[in-house]
Amino acid sequence: MNGTPMSDKDILDDVLSSQKAITVTYNAYTNECANPQVRDTFLNLLNDEHKLESDVFDELHKRGWQPTPQADQKRIQEANEKYQNAV
């Protein structure tokens, strides 16, 4: 690091990226777990990590650093049709 402190946005972005990586890892471990009790433990951990990820995302969004534009009705309908036909 060059001595410049990280901004709150940089810190939250870093935390969000870390949480995404953690959930990917726990998901893989959960899917490949042969022991039901250990799998349940991983599922609980995965749920906890998703909650943390969601909390960080919500904080970024609340501060205006993670915009989530509204989808227009045409795109929503197209997505509905695409995935209804896939079933």
C-alpha atoms as a PDB file:
ATOM      1  CA  MET A   1       0.000   0.000   0.000  1.00  0.00           C
ATOM      2  CA  ASN A   2       1.287   3.467  -0.784  1.00  0.00           C
ATOM      3  CA  GLY A   3       0.328   5.025   2.564  1.00  0.00           C
ATOM      4  CA  THR A   4      -3.008   6.334   1.317  1.00  0.00           C
ATOM      5  CA  PRO A   5      -5.806   5.207   3.610  1.00  0.00           C
ATOM      6  CA  MET A   6      -8.658   3.277   2.067  1.00  0.00           C
ATOM      7  CA  SER A   7     -11.983   5.070   1.824  1.00  0.00           C
ATOM      8  CA  ASP A   8     -15.113   3.599   3.398  1.00  0.00           C
ATOM      9  CA  LYS A   9     -16.291   2.678  -0.095  1.00  0.00           C
ATOM     10  CA  ASP A  10     -13.019   0.862  -0.847  1.00  0.00           C
ATOM     11  CA  ILE A  11     -13.253  -1.047   2.423  1.00  0.00           C
ATOM     12  CA  LEU A  12     -16.875  -2.076   1.837  1.00  0.00           C
ATOM     13  CA  ASP A  13     -16.119  -3.048  -1.777  1.00  0.00           C
ATOM     14  CA  ASP A  14     -13.253  -5.205  -0.524  1.00  0.00           C
ATOM     15  CA  VAL A  15     -15.443  -6.813   2.129  1.00  0.00           C
ATOM     16  CA  LEU A  16     -18.147  -7.532  -0.460  1.00  0.00           C
ATOM     17  CA  SER A  17     -15.609  -9.153  -2.796  1.00  0.00           C
ATOM     18  CA  SER A  18     -14.281 -11.239   0.082  1.00  0.00           C
ATOM     19  CA  GLN A  19     -17.768 -12.353   1.078  1.00  0.00           C
ATOM     20  CA  LYS A  20     -18.490 -13.403  -2.497  1.00  0.00           C
ATOM     21  CA  ALA A  21     -15.327 -15.527  -2.536  1.00  0.00           C
ATOM     22  CA  ILE A  22     -16.174 -17.062   0.834  1.00  0.00           C
ATOM     23  CA  THR A  23     -19.671 -18.073  -0.288  1.00  0.00           C
ATOM     24  CA  VAL A  24     -18.291 -19.660  -3.457  1.00  0.00           C
ATOM     25  CA  THR A  25     -15.877 -21.720  -1.356  1.00  0.00           C
ATOM     26  CA  TYR A  26     -18.467 -22.797   1.227  1.00  0.00           C
ATOM     27  CA  ASN A  27     -20.878 -23.677  -1.568  1.00  0.00           C
ATOM     28  CA  ALA A  28     -18.314 -25.979  -3.187  1.00  0.00           C
ATOM     29  CA  TYR A  29     -17.516 -27.644   0.154  1.00  0.00           C
ATOM     30  CA  THR A  30     -21.221 -28.091   0.871  1.00  0.00           C
ATOM     31  CA  ASN A  31     -21.904 -29.666  -2.519  1.00  0.00           C
ATOM     32  CA  GLU A  32     -19.004 -32.097  -2.163  1.00  0.00           C
ATOM     33  CA  CYS A  33     -19.595 -33.111   1.447  1.00  0.00           C
ATOM     34  CA  ALA A  34     -20.387 -36.790   2.022  1.00  0.00           C
ATOM     35  CA  ASN A  35     -21.243 -36.503   5.723  1.00  0.00           C
ATOM     36  CA  PRO A  36     -24.778 -35.167   6.357  1.00  0.00           C
ATOM     37  CA  GLN A  37     -23.902 -33.532   9.684  1.00  0.00           C
ATOM     38  CA  VAL A  38     -20.880 -31.758   8.224  1.00  0.00           C
ATOM     39  CA  ARG A  39     -22.970 -30.750   5.196  1.00  0.00           C
ATOM     40  CA  ASP A  40     -25.571 -29.219   7.523  1.00  0.00           C
ATOM     41  CA  THR A  41     -22.804 -27.304   9.305  1.00  0.00           C
ATOM     42  CA  PHE A  42     -21.525 -25.985   5.976  1.00  0.00           C
ATOM     43  CA  LEU A  43     -25.085 -25.032   4.982  1.00  0.00           C
ATOM     44  CA  ASN A  44     -25.455 -23.054   8.207  1.00  0.00           C
ATOM     45  CA  LEU A  45     -22.112 -21.337   7.619  1.00  0.00           C
ATOM     46  CA  LEU A  46     -23.055 -20.629   4.015  1.00  0.00           C
ATOM     47  CA  ASN A  47     -26.330 -19.061   5.136  1.00  0.00           C
ATOM     48  CA  ASP A  48     -24.474 -16.894   7.679  1.00  0.00           C
ATOM     49  CA  GLU A  49     -21.996 -15.753   5.033  1.00  0.00           C
ATOM     50  CA  HIS A  50     -24.790 -14.919   2.582  1.00  0.00           C
ATOM     51  CA  LYS A  51     -26.428 -12.817   5.302  1.00  0.00           C
ATOM     52  CA  LEU A  52     -23.164 -10.934   5.852  1.00  0.00           C
ATOM     53  CA  GLU A  53     -22.772 -10.436   2.109  1.00  0.00           C
ATOM     54  CA  SER A  54     -26.314  -9.112   1.893  1.00  0.00           C
ATOM     55  CA  ASP A  55     -25.732  -6.723   4.808  1.00  0.00           C
ATOM     56  CA  VAL A  56     -22.602  -5.313   3.158  1.00  0.00           C
ATOM     57  CA  PHE A  57     -24.377  -4.967  -0.190  1.00  0.00           C
ATOM     58  CA  ASP A  58     -27.290  -3.192   1.501  1.00  0.00           C
ATOM     59  CA  GLU A  59     -24.876  -0.755   3.182  1.00  0.00           C
ATOM     60  CA  LEU A  60     -23.184   0.004  -0.148  1.00  0.00           C
ATOM     61  CA  HIS A  61     -26.591   0.474  -1.757  1.00  0.00           C
ATOM     62  CA  LYS A  62     -27.828   2.711   1.073  1.00  0.00           C
ATOM     63  CA  ARG A  63     -24.794   4.962   0.610  1.00  0.00           C
ATOM     64  CA  GLY A  64     -25.368   5.169  -3.154  1.00  0.00           C
ATOM     65  CA  TRP A  65     -22.209   3.200  -3.967  1.00  0.00           C
ATOM     66  CA  GLN A  66     -24.002   0.132  -5.354  1.00  0.00           C
ATOM     67  CA  PRO A  67     -26.743   1.397  -7.669  1.00  0.00           C
ATOM     68  CA  THR A  68     -29.452  -1.033  -8.657  1.00  0.00           C
ATOM     69  CA  PRO A  69     -31.459   0.448 -11.532  1.00  0.00           C
ATOM     70  CA  GLN A  70     -35.026  -0.686 -12.038  1.00  0.00           C
ATOM     71  CA  ALA A  71     -35.577  -3.096 -14.909  1.00  0.00           C
ATOM     72  CA  ASP A  72     -38.177  -2.020 -17.401  1.00  0.00           C
ATOM     73  CA  GLN A  73     -41.328  -4.104 -17.762  1.00  0.00           C
ATOM     74  CA  LYS A  74     -40.330  -5.360 -21.224  1.00  0.00           C
ATOM     75  CA  ARG A  75     -37.087  -6.870 -19.895  1.00  0.00           C
ATOM     76  CA  ILE A  76     -38.911  -8.436 -16.943  1.00  0.00           C
ATOM     77  CA  GLN A  77     -41.450 -10.029 -19.285  1.00  0.00           C
ATOM     78  CA  GLU A  78     -38.670 -11.289 -21.600  1.00  0.00           C
ATOM     79  CA  ALA A  79     -36.882 -12.900 -18.646  1.00  0.00           C
ATOM     80  CA  ASN A  80     -40.109 -14.504 -17.432  1.00  0.00           C
ATOM     81  CA  GLU A  81     -40.803 -15.955 -20.871  1.00  0.00           C
ATOM     82  CA  LYS A  82     -37.223 -17.177 -21.282  1.00  0.00           C
ATOM     83  CA  TYR A  83     -37.162 -19.069 -18.008  1.00  0.00           C
ATOM     84  CA  GLN A  84     -40.751 -20.351 -18.175  1.00  0.00           C
ATOM     85  CA  ASN A  85     -39.939 -21.910 -21.545  1.00  0.00           C
ATOM     86  CA  ALA A  86     -36.787 -23.492 -20.145  1.00  0.00           C
ATOM     87  CA  VAL A  87     -38.738 -25.618 -17.658  1.00  0.00           C
END
